[in-house]
Amino acid sequence: MSNLNPRPTHGRTLIDAYGMGTLFHLSHLQKLDLSFNDFSNSRIFSNFGRFPSLTHFDLSSSWFSGLVPYEISYLSKLVSLHLSYSSISYLVPGRTLKLESSTLKGIVRNLTKPRWLPFEGSFPDNIFNLPNIQSLTLTANPNLSGQFPKSNWTSPLEVLDASMTPLSGELPGSLGNLKSLWGLALIGCNLSGSIPASLGNLSQLGFLFLSGNHFSGEIPSSVFSYKPHRTDNSCPCF
């Protein structure tokens, strides 16, 4: 068995019937989807780090809370991690997932498509220097604050979505260094200042969503000179 997708049926989660102890014996799993189960605000099990072949891991909408265990960073083949709404923080204060910086560094070292990572504190300065990251979704992270780093952004990032995350400050000109960027969504991020002319350097850009901010000044003429090289019709998932 390489894939496991135990979704809820008739008010009872399949994972309950299957048994967590048995699950951790499936050492050859490559894809594990536990989304939309009810784990009653329990912590994410450290034993999830015992799947050496795991490439895709989905815990979205599963009511986990507390610290994301460092053992998750042991998943050296992991390329996609989905942690969205593992606890409904708006309805249950204090029942959110938390990701410490040491765990974050270990996880994103391998990930190409981390999604809905539950950041807290300040925006991590090195996130755009990670060598493998292709898609980063930070949408609706109420506990993440601060500003985009102004340091040199160099990564193969194709999609960046930080919409509805309470950032502040200006959009740095170094954003224009993300030569592979295909989709950018920064809706309702409380950003201000001028739109950097360097956005015109993003020749691959196909989607640009900047509504709900406090930008001022003129829109740089370079923004209207896009000549996307991408010819496929695929759409980034925002």
Protein backbone atom coordinates (compact mmCIF):
# COMPACT_ATOMS: atom_id res chain seq x y z
CA MET A 1 0.00 0.00 0.00
CA SER A 2 1.47 3.32 -1.08
CA ASN A 3 -1.52 5.67 -0.63
CA LEU A 4 -3.98 6.04 2.24
CA ASN A 5 -6.98 8.35 2.26
CA PRO A 6 -9.28 7.63 5.26
CA ARG A 7 -12.12 10.16 4.98
CA PRO A 8 -15.07 10.36 7.45
CA THR A 9 -18.13 8.20 6.82
CA HIS A 10 -21.47 8.18 8.68
CA GLY A 11 -20.24 10.40 11.48
CA ARG A 12 -17.23 8.21 12.26
CA THR A 13 -13.76 8.70 10.92
CA LEU A 14 -12.19 5.85 9.02
CA ILE A 15 -8.95 6.48 10.84
CA ASP A 16 -10.65 5.49 14.10
CA ALA A 17 -11.77 2.22 12.61
CA TYR A 18 -8.42 1.58 10.96
CA GLY A 19 -6.46 2.22 14.14
CA MET A 20 -3.61 4.66 14.58
CA GLY A 21 -1.26 1.94 15.83
CA THR A 22 -1.76 -0.04 12.62
CA LEU A 23 -1.28 3.06 10.50
CA PHE A 24 2.26 3.60 11.75
CA HIS A 25 3.21 0.09 10.64
CA LEU A 26 2.68 1.10 7.00
CA SER A 27 6.27 2.18 6.58
CA HIS A 28 6.14 2.29 2.76
CA LEU A 29 3.38 4.90 2.49
CA GLN A 30 4.07 7.56 -0.13
CA LYS A 31 0.89 9.63 0.16
CA LEU A 32 -1.08 10.09 3.37
CA ASP A 33 -4.32 12.10 3.43
CA LEU A 34 -6.01 12.50 6.85
CA SER A 35 -7.91 15.64 5.97
CA PHE A 36 -11.42 16.31 7.30
CA ASN A 37 -11.13 13.98 10.26
CA ASP A 38 -11.76 15.01 13.87
CA PHE A 39 -8.74 14.52 16.14
CA SER A 40 -10.34 16.62 18.91
CA ASN A 41 -7.55 19.21 19.21
CA SER A 42 -4.94 16.57 19.98
CA ARG A 43 -1.30 17.10 19.04
CA ILE A 44 0.09 15.85 15.76
CA PHE A 45 1.71 12.49 16.45
CA SER A 46 5.50 12.46 16.35
CA ASN A 47 5.29 8.99 14.79
CA PHE A 48 4.29 10.62 11.52
CA GLY A 49 8.02 11.16 11.08
CA ARG A 50 8.45 7.41 10.63
CA PHE A 51 7.38 7.27 6.97
CA PRO A 52 10.67 7.49 5.03
CA SER A 53 8.96 7.29 1.62
CA LEU A 54 6.24 9.85 2.27
CA THR A 55 6.04 12.55 -0.42
CA HIS A 56 2.56 14.04 0.15
CA PHE A 57 1.03 14.66 3.58
CA ASP A 58 -2.38 16.29 4.14
CA LEU A 59 -3.73 17.09 7.63
CA SER A 60 -6.06 19.90 6.59
CA SER A 61 -9.29 20.43 8.54
CA SER A 62 -8.47 17.64 11.00
CA TRP A 63 -8.62 19.55 14.30
CA PHE A 64 -5.05 19.10 15.39
CA SER A 65 -3.51 21.74 17.68
CA GLY A 66 -0.30 22.50 19.55
CA LEU A 67 3.26 22.30 18.27
CA VAL A 68 3.99 20.67 14.95
CA PRO A 69 6.48 17.95 16.01
CA TYR A 70 10.07 18.30 14.89
CA GLU A 71 9.92 14.68 13.72
CA ILE A 72 7.95 15.86 10.67
CA SER A 73 11.24 17.31 9.41
CA TYR A 74 12.61 13.76 9.20
CA LEU A 75 10.43 13.17 6.12
CA SER A 76 13.29 13.78 3.70
CA LYS A 77 11.23 12.94 0.59
CA LEU A 78 8.28 15.17 1.47
CA VAL A 79 7.41 17.64 -1.28
CA SER A 80 3.87 18.68 -0.32
CA LEU A 81 2.50 19.47 3.15
CA HIS A 82 -1.03 20.74 3.79
CA LEU A 83 -1.93 21.98 7.30
CA SER A 84 -4.82 24.35 6.62
CA TYR A 85 -7.42 24.83 9.32
CA SER A 86 -6.24 21.91 11.41
CA SER A 87 -7.93 23.80 14.19
CA ILE A 88 -10.51 26.56 13.77
CA SER A 89 -8.55 29.19 15.65
CA TYR A 90 -11.19 31.85 15.20
CA LEU A 91 -13.73 29.77 17.12
CA VAL A 92 -11.40 28.07 19.60
CA PRO A 93 -8.82 30.59 20.88
CA GLY A 94 -5.49 29.01 21.78
CA ARG A 95 -6.28 25.86 19.83
CA THR A 96 -4.02 26.50 16.88
CA LEU A 97 -1.05 24.78 15.34
CA LYS A 98 2.34 26.32 16.05
CA LEU A 99 5.47 25.85 14.01
CA GLU A 100 8.81 26.56 15.69
CA SER A 101 11.63 27.96 13.58
CA SER A 102 13.82 24.85 13.96
CA THR A 103 10.99 22.62 12.71
CA LEU A 104 10.24 25.01 9.88
CA LYS A 105 13.84 24.95 8.65
CA GLY A 106 13.89 21.17 8.67
CA ILE A 107 10.58 20.87 6.84
CA VAL A 108 11.08 23.41 4.07
CA ARG A 109 14.58 22.17 3.32
CA ASN A 110 12.93 19.44 1.21
CA LEU A 111 9.51 20.80 0.37
CA THR A 112 8.68 22.15 -3.05
CA LYS A 113 5.03 22.90 -2.30
CA PRO A 114 4.43 23.74 1.37
CA ARG A 115 0.84 24.89 1.83
CA TRP A 116 -0.88 26.60 4.73
CA LEU A 117 2.06 26.45 7.11
CA PRO A 118 0.92 27.82 10.51
CA PHE A 119 3.54 30.51 11.05
CA GLU A 120 3.60 32.64 14.19
CA GLY A 121 5.67 35.69 14.96
CA SER A 122 7.65 37.52 12.30
CA PHE A 123 7.86 36.62 8.64
CA PRO A 124 10.88 34.28 8.23
CA ASP A 125 13.69 36.14 6.45
CA ASN A 126 15.15 33.11 4.67
CA ILE A 127 11.96 31.71 3.19
CA PHE A 128 12.77 33.04 -0.29
CA ASN A 129 16.29 31.62 -0.31
CA LEU A 130 15.18 27.99 -0.07
CA PRO A 131 16.54 26.04 -3.05
CA ASN A 132 13.57 23.74 -3.72
CA ILE A 133 10.47 25.75 -2.95
CA GLN A 134 8.05 26.18 -5.87
CA SER A 135 4.73 27.08 -4.28
CA LEU A 136 4.14 28.85 -0.97
CA THR A 137 0.65 29.41 0.45
CA LEU A 138 0.44 31.44 3.67
CA THR A 139 -3.18 32.53 3.31
CA ALA A 140 -5.07 33.67 6.41
CA ASN A 141 -2.28 33.31 8.97
CA PRO A 142 -3.60 35.65 11.70
CA ASN A 143 -0.57 35.07 13.95
CA LEU A 144 2.01 35.99 11.32
CA SER A 145 3.05 39.63 11.30
CA GLY A 146 5.87 41.86 10.20
CA GLN A 147 7.13 42.72 6.76
CA PHE A 148 8.42 40.96 3.72
CA PRO A 149 12.21 40.63 3.99
CA LYS A 150 14.16 43.17 1.95
CA SER A 151 17.09 40.83 1.39
CA ASN A 152 17.79 39.33 -2.01
CA TRP A 153 15.02 36.93 -3.02
CA THR A 154 16.46 34.03 -4.98
CA SER A 155 14.40 30.87 -5.35
CA PRO A 156 12.56 28.87 -8.02
CA LEU A 157 9.25 30.04 -6.51
CA GLU A 158 6.37 29.90 -8.99
CA VAL A 159 3.37 30.71 -6.77
CA LEU A 160 3.18 32.98 -3.72
CA ASP A 161 -0.12 33.54 -1.91
CA ALA A 162 -0.12 35.42 1.41
CA SER A 163 -3.61 36.86 1.09
CA MET A 164 -5.45 37.90 4.27
CA THR A 165 -2.28 37.65 6.35
CA PRO A 166 -1.66 40.81 8.44
CA LEU A 167 1.65 41.93 7.01
CA SER A 168 2.68 45.58 6.75
CA GLY A 169 5.21 47.84 5.11
CA GLU A 170 6.18 48.03 1.47
CA LEU A 171 6.46 45.39 -1.22
CA PRO A 172 10.25 45.09 -1.68
CA GLY A 173 11.86 45.58 -5.05
CA SER A 174 13.72 42.29 -4.60
CA LEU A 175 10.45 40.55 -5.46
CA GLY A 176 11.46 41.16 -9.07
CA ASN A 177 14.28 38.62 -8.65
CA LEU A 178 11.82 35.72 -8.54
CA LYS A 179 12.23 35.01 -12.24
CA SER A 180 10.07 31.88 -12.19
CA LEU A 181 7.09 33.51 -10.45
CA TRP A 182 3.86 32.64 -12.23
CA GLY A 183 1.23 33.70 -9.70
CA LEU A 184 1.25 36.38 -6.97
CA ALA A 185 -1.70 36.95 -4.62
CA LEU A 186 -1.36 39.49 -1.79
CA ILE A 187 -5.00 40.40 -1.21
CA GLY A 188 -5.79 42.25 2.02
CA CYS A 189 -2.25 42.19 3.43
CA ASN A 190 -2.21 45.81 4.70
CA LEU A 191 0.74 46.60 2.44
CA SER A 192 1.52 50.24 1.67
CA GLY A 193 3.91 52.41 -0.32
CA SER A 194 4.42 52.22 -4.05
CA ILE A 195 4.25 49.18 -6.30
CA PRO A 196 7.88 48.41 -7.22
CA ALA A 197 8.88 48.82 -10.84
CA SER A 198 10.81 45.55 -10.55
CA LEU A 199 7.52 43.65 -10.95
CA GLY A 200 8.07 44.29 -14.63
CA ASN A 201 10.99 41.85 -14.49
CA LEU A 202 8.61 38.95 -13.79
CA SER A 203 8.25 37.80 -17.37
CA GLN A 204 6.49 34.56 -16.36
CA LEU A 205 3.77 36.27 -14.31
CA GLY A 206 0.25 35.29 -15.33
CA PHE A 207 -1.76 36.24 -12.22
CA LEU A 208 -1.33 39.35 -10.05
CA PHE A 209 -3.82 40.07 -7.23
CA LEU A 210 -3.05 43.11 -5.05
CA SER A 211 -6.50 44.32 -3.99
CA GLY A 212 -7.34 45.40 -0.44
CA ASN A 213 -4.00 47.07 0.35
CA HIS A 214 -2.90 50.69 0.78
CA PHE A 215 -0.64 51.19 -2.20
CA SER A 216 -0.13 54.75 -3.40
CA GLY A 217 1.44 56.58 -6.31
CA GLU A 218 1.40 55.53 -9.93
CA ILE A 219 1.46 52.02 -11.30
CA PRO A 220 4.91 51.55 -12.91
CA SER A 221 4.79 51.39 -16.68
CA SER A 222 6.98 48.29 -16.52
CA VAL A 223 4.05 46.37 -15.07
CA PHE A 224 2.22 46.76 -18.39
CA SER A 225 5.09 45.36 -20.42
CA TYR A 226 4.64 41.71 -19.44
CA LYS A 227 5.46 39.24 -22.15
CA PRO A 228 4.83 35.89 -20.44
CA HIS A 229 6.98 33.08 -21.76
CA ARG A 230 4.73 30.45 -20.27
CA THR A 231 2.55 28.90 -22.95
CA ASP A 232 0.53 26.29 -21.02
CA ASN A 233 -2.90 27.09 -19.64
CA SER A 234 -2.33 25.76 -16.14
CA CYS A 235 -3.47 27.93 -13.27
CA PRO A 236 -1.73 28.20 -9.90
CA CYS A 237 -3.89 27.22 -6.98
CA PHE A 238 -4.55 30.24 -4.80
